[in-house]
Each structure stands twice: as C-alpha cells, then as structure tokens.
Amino acid sequence: MILKINNFTNLHQNDDHLHVAFSSPQRVLSSAILNGGIIKADHIVNRKVPKDSSTIEAPDVSLRNYAEQQGWQGNVVGMMTAAPMSSLRIEQSCVEGIDLTVLVTTGIDNARRAGDKADVQEVLALSKHVGTINLILICSAKLTDAAMLEAVMVATEGKAAALQDVGVVSPVSQRLATGTGTDAIAVVSGDGPEEIAFCGKHVLLGELIGRLVISAVTKSLASGFNGETPKR
C-alpha cells in the first residue's frame, strides 16, 4: 500500500514494514530504537520482527542495516514490533488548515501497567520481550519542542485510555494495562507556516490528538491481533 499522507509525507506499507518518507527532512521527537530523541529525519520505519529471534545483532544496528538494504537515504528513525503490519490503523483530521495523522500498529502480548514490577531487575539490562504498540503522530504545523513533548503526553494518555476502554489487563498486576513494555512513539513537526506552542487537553489540537489516538488504537486492537493478554 502506498498513501500520500499530506503534502510532505508518503506512506508505504507491506508485510515487513511501515515506511514513512518525507519530501524534506522533518523534526521528529521519538523514543525509537534507532535515532531516538530529537532529530531531523528523512524517514521513519516501523519494522516487523519475529517474536522469537535468535539474531545477535543489536536492534539499532539491525534497523540501520535494514534501512541501507532498502536504499533509504538520509536519517532514519527506526522502531521494531512483533505486531503484524495488518494491525495498522490510520486516523486523520484537518482543522484550520492543520493536518493531523495518527498511525498505529498494536501487539499486546506484553501488556503492562505503569508501576508493575519489571521483568528485568537491573538498571542497565535490556528486556527481550516483544509485542509493542508503536504510534506515529504527524502534524503539518510547526510545533515547538515543548509542544512536541506535550503531544507525546496526550498521545500516551490516549493510548492508555483506549487500552482501559477495551479492558486489557496486565498479567503482572492483574490491573488495567496502560501500555506494553516495549511501546514506541514518534511525533513529527511539520514546516508550518503556523507555529504551535501548546497542544494539551485544554486546547483543540490536544483534543484532536487524544481522539485520533484513542480511535486508532481501539480499531487496531479490534483488528484481530490481541495476543493472549487477559481482558476484563
């Protein structure tokens, strides 16, 4: 599937990955494995990986090599998931000339509630769990750094609200889950011409972010890949 998201973003989806390509480098704030943090990115990839992988290659190295194999030039922000690409759901809205797009893939085999006892009890150790709700939020307006972080907050709350509405339960605490142990998020700030300083829950942009995320996550969870996590 190839889809034009807005005037600077194209989306390509197949069984192996979800690839977001920008016509020019865009500011991205993310928790991604590859090039996480704030970066000017040319691409975002959400790559499907096996649940049980015997590879000894580090995840960021694997993603970088994968991007090179695909021929993607420039900076690539890279995520991984065990969820199938068929779980992708897209929600879009346009208000006052500002385009918002939310892309979500969901896998909840490792659902967790914030504050659950961690599987790995060493600060520097890495988890080998897979599952993952990966979320990409694309805004055509220019967001300040603070607004990008606020968008992350609202989107994360929206994800948690969707999981609670559906009734996904953490197998650790047997309480309502707020995410999985391996979730990733990326917020893309466009080139404007508008500059947005606030997008919290008291303003329209924040309302729309919350609604789009809740809708996308809910529909993705209903797509048939819900893992074996118990529900209430």
Protein backbone atom coordinates (compact mmCIF):
# COMPACT_ATOMS: atom_id res chain seq x y z
CA MET A 1 0.00 0.00 0.00
CA ILE A 2 1.24 3.48 -0.92
CA LEU A 3 -0.58 6.50 0.51
CA LYS A 4 0.04 10.25 0.41
CA ILE A 5 -0.49 11.50 3.98
CA ASN A 6 -0.03 15.22 3.33
CA ASN A 7 1.99 17.48 1.03
CA PHE A 8 5.31 16.36 2.54
CA THR A 9 4.66 12.77 3.66
CA ASN A 10 4.19 9.48 1.82
CA LEU A 11 3.40 6.15 3.47
CA HIS A 12 4.37 2.71 2.18
CA GLN A 13 3.17 -0.45 3.93
CA ASN A 14 3.94 -4.10 3.25
CA ASP A 15 4.15 -7.24 5.39
CA ASP A 16 7.66 -6.35 6.58
CA HIS A 17 7.43 -2.69 7.47
CA LEU A 18 5.60 0.59 7.65
CA HIS A 19 7.72 3.27 5.94
CA VAL A 20 7.04 7.00 6.27
CA ALA A 21 9.05 9.08 3.77
CA PHE A 22 9.34 12.87 3.91
CA SER A 23 9.94 15.08 0.88
CA SER A 24 12.33 17.13 3.01
CA PRO A 25 13.83 16.48 6.48
CA GLN A 26 11.31 16.97 9.31
CA ARG A 27 11.80 17.43 13.05
CA VAL A 28 10.95 14.21 14.88
CA LEU A 29 10.81 13.59 18.62
CA SER A 30 10.75 9.89 19.38
CA SER A 31 11.57 7.04 21.74
CA ALA A 32 12.69 4.96 18.74
CA ILE A 33 15.48 2.38 18.93
CA LEU A 34 17.29 3.97 16.00
CA ASN A 35 17.91 7.74 16.12
CA GLY A 36 15.60 8.36 19.06
CA GLY A 37 15.39 11.78 20.71
CA ILE A 38 15.02 14.95 18.59
CA ILE A 39 16.39 14.68 15.08
CA LYS A 40 15.82 15.97 11.56
CA ALA A 41 14.64 12.81 9.82
CA ASP A 42 14.06 11.82 6.22
CA HIS A 43 12.29 8.56 7.07
CA ILE A 44 10.50 6.70 9.85
CA VAL A 45 10.29 2.93 9.72
CA ASN A 46 8.26 0.58 11.89
CA ARG A 47 9.75 -2.85 11.12
CA LYS A 48 8.09 -6.21 11.75
CA VAL A 49 10.38 -8.67 13.54
CA PRO A 50 9.79 -12.26 14.71
CA LYS A 51 8.54 -12.87 18.24
CA ASP A 52 11.42 -15.24 18.83
CA SER A 53 14.61 -14.05 17.19
CA SER A 54 17.98 -15.76 17.53
CA THR A 55 19.91 -12.86 15.97
CA ILE A 56 22.83 -11.48 17.95
CA GLU A 57 22.75 -8.20 16.05
CA ALA A 58 21.91 -5.17 18.20
CA PRO A 59 18.42 -3.75 17.38
CA ASP A 60 19.74 -0.34 16.28
CA VAL A 61 22.37 -1.98 14.07
CA SER A 62 19.73 -4.29 12.60
CA LEU A 63 17.47 -1.33 11.79
CA ARG A 64 20.33 0.68 10.28
CA ASN A 65 21.34 -2.26 8.07
CA TYR A 66 17.72 -2.79 7.07
CA ALA A 67 17.39 0.87 6.04
CA GLU A 68 20.54 0.60 3.94
CA GLN A 69 19.22 -2.56 2.26
CA GLN A 70 16.03 -0.68 1.37
CA GLY A 71 18.06 2.15 -0.14
CA TRP A 72 16.65 4.84 2.15
CA GLN A 73 18.94 7.85 2.08
CA GLY A 74 19.39 10.28 4.97
CA ASN A 75 18.42 9.97 8.63
CA VAL A 76 16.06 7.12 9.51
CA VAL A 77 14.10 6.93 12.76
CA GLY A 78 13.57 3.20 13.39
CA MET A 79 11.12 1.20 15.51
CA MET A 80 10.54 -2.54 15.84
CA THR A 81 7.43 -4.55 16.61
CA ALA A 82 6.24 -8.14 16.69
CA ALA A 83 2.78 -6.98 15.63
CA PRO A 84 1.76 -7.68 12.05
CA MET A 85 1.55 -4.73 9.69
CA SER A 86 -2.07 -5.69 9.09
CA SER A 87 -2.78 -4.18 12.53
CA LEU A 88 -2.06 -0.72 11.08
CA ARG A 89 -4.85 1.77 11.59
CA ILE A 90 -4.77 5.37 10.36
CA GLU A 91 -6.80 8.29 11.70
CA GLN A 92 -6.70 11.77 10.19
CA SER A 93 -8.19 15.19 10.81
CA CYS A 94 -7.80 18.70 9.41
CA VAL A 95 -8.65 21.81 11.41
CA GLU A 96 -7.94 25.40 10.43
CA GLY A 97 -5.61 24.17 7.71
CA ILE A 98 -3.57 21.97 10.06
CA ASP A 99 -3.38 18.28 9.13
CA LEU A 100 -3.07 15.64 11.85
CA THR A 101 -2.38 11.97 11.13
CA VAL A 102 -2.03 9.09 13.60
CA LEU A 103 -0.54 5.74 12.53
CA VAL A 104 -0.74 2.82 14.99
CA THR A 105 0.24 -0.84 14.99
CA THR A 106 -0.61 -2.92 18.05
CA GLY A 107 0.62 -6.05 19.76
CA ILE A 108 -0.22 -6.56 23.43
CA ASP A 109 1.33 -9.89 24.41
CA ASN A 110 3.49 -7.97 26.89
CA ALA A 111 0.84 -5.59 28.22
CA ARG A 112 1.85 -3.77 31.39
CA ARG A 113 0.51 -1.19 33.80
CA ALA A 114 2.80 1.69 34.73
CA GLY A 115 4.42 0.78 38.06
CA ASP A 116 4.27 -3.00 37.53
CA LYS A 117 7.25 -4.97 38.81
CA ALA A 118 9.79 -5.02 35.99
CA ASP A 119 10.81 -8.30 34.38
CA VAL A 120 14.45 -7.19 34.42
CA GLN A 121 15.66 -6.01 37.82
CA GLU A 122 18.93 -4.43 36.67
CA VAL A 123 19.05 -0.79 35.63
CA LEU A 124 21.40 -1.28 32.66
CA ALA A 125 19.98 -4.60 31.44
CA LEU A 126 17.75 -4.87 28.36
CA SER A 127 14.37 -6.54 28.06
CA LYS A 128 13.93 -9.24 25.40
CA HIS A 129 10.13 -9.02 25.41
CA VAL A 130 8.30 -8.21 22.19
CA GLY A 131 4.77 -7.08 21.47
CA THR A 132 4.53 -3.34 21.21
CA ILE A 133 2.14 -0.53 20.44
CA ASN A 134 4.00 1.73 18.02
CA LEU A 135 2.49 5.13 17.33
CA ILE A 136 3.43 7.85 14.84
CA LEU A 137 1.79 11.28 15.06
CA ILE A 138 2.32 13.65 12.12
CA CYS A 139 1.35 17.33 12.40
CA SER A 140 1.67 19.64 9.39
CA ALA A 141 2.11 22.67 11.64
CA LYS A 142 5.41 23.62 13.21
CA LEU A 143 5.47 22.53 16.86
CA THR A 144 7.79 23.99 19.46
CA ASP A 145 9.92 21.49 21.38
CA ALA A 146 7.60 21.87 24.38
CA ALA A 147 4.53 21.31 22.20
CA MET A 148 6.08 18.15 20.74
CA LEU A 149 6.62 16.81 24.23
CA GLU A 150 3.07 17.78 25.19
CA ALA A 151 1.83 15.88 22.14
CA VAL A 152 3.72 12.81 23.37
CA MET A 153 1.99 13.15 26.74
CA VAL A 154 -1.51 13.48 25.29
CA ALA A 155 -0.97 10.66 22.78
CA THR A 156 0.31 8.38 25.54
CA GLU A 157 -2.72 9.17 27.69
CA GLY A 158 -4.93 8.43 24.69
CA LYS A 159 -3.26 5.04 24.21
CA ALA A 160 -3.76 4.21 27.88
CA ALA A 161 -7.40 5.31 27.71
CA ALA A 162 -8.03 3.05 24.71
CA LEU A 163 -6.49 0.05 26.47
CA GLN A 164 -8.60 0.69 29.53
CA ASP A 165 -11.78 1.15 27.46
CA VAL A 166 -11.14 -2.22 25.80
CA GLY A 167 -10.27 -3.79 29.16
CA VAL A 168 -6.72 -5.03 28.54
CA VAL A 169 -5.22 -6.32 31.79
CA SER A 170 -1.57 -6.57 32.81
CA PRO A 171 -0.64 -10.21 33.55
CA VAL A 172 1.78 -8.92 36.19
CA SER A 173 -0.54 -6.90 38.42
CA GLN A 174 -3.92 -8.11 37.10
CA ARG A 175 -4.92 -4.46 36.81
CA LEU A 176 -5.85 -2.44 33.74
CA ALA A 177 -2.85 -2.02 31.44
CA THR A 178 -1.58 1.39 30.33
CA GLY A 179 0.63 0.13 27.51
CA THR A 180 3.14 -2.62 26.79
CA GLY A 181 6.70 -2.94 27.98
CA THR A 182 8.14 -2.07 24.56
CA ASP A 183 5.96 0.74 23.20
CA ALA A 184 7.46 3.43 20.98
CA ILE A 185 6.19 6.81 19.83
CA ALA A 186 7.27 9.42 17.30
CA VAL A 187 5.89 12.93 16.89
CA VAL A 188 6.59 14.74 13.62
CA SER A 189 6.57 18.54 13.44
CA GLY A 190 5.85 19.98 10.01
CA ASP A 191 7.17 23.13 8.37
CA GLY A 192 4.28 25.40 9.25
CA PRO A 193 3.59 28.16 8.42
CA GLU A 194 1.76 28.00 11.73
CA GLU A 195 3.78 27.54 14.92
CA ILE A 196 2.03 25.77 17.77
CA ALA A 197 3.21 26.33 21.34
CA PHE A 198 0.51 24.36 23.18
CA CYS A 199 -1.35 21.14 22.41
CA GLY A 200 -2.53 19.95 25.82
CA LYS A 201 -6.03 18.79 26.72
CA HIS A 202 -7.42 22.33 27.16
CA VAL A 203 -6.83 23.28 23.51
CA LEU A 204 -8.36 21.99 20.28
CA LEU A 205 -5.20 20.40 18.91
CA GLY A 206 -4.77 18.38 22.10
CA GLU A 207 -8.39 17.27 21.95
CA LEU A 208 -7.92 16.04 18.40
CA ILE A 209 -4.68 14.22 19.22
CA GLY A 210 -6.40 12.39 22.05
CA ARG A 211 -9.43 11.48 19.95
CA LEU A 212 -7.41 10.28 16.96
CA VAL A 213 -5.10 8.15 19.11
CA ILE A 214 -7.98 6.57 21.03
CA SER A 215 -9.79 5.76 17.79
CA ALA A 216 -6.69 4.38 16.03
CA VAL A 217 -5.60 2.21 18.97
CA THR A 218 -9.14 0.92 19.57
CA LYS A 219 -9.61 -0.04 15.92
CA SER A 220 -6.16 -1.63 15.75
CA LEU A 221 -6.85 -3.72 18.85
CA ALA A 222 -10.10 -4.86 17.24
CA SER A 223 -8.27 -5.94 14.07
CA GLY A 224 -7.70 -9.44 15.43
CA PHE A 225 -4.20 -9.26 16.90
CA ASN A 226 -4.86 -9.03 20.61
CA GLY A 227 -2.32 -11.57 21.79
CA GLU A 228 -3.22 -13.72 24.76
CA THR A 229 -3.42 -10.95 27.32
CA PRO A 230 -6.47 -11.42 29.55
CA LYS A 231 -9.27 -8.89 29.46
CA ARG A 232 -11.89 -7.96 31.98
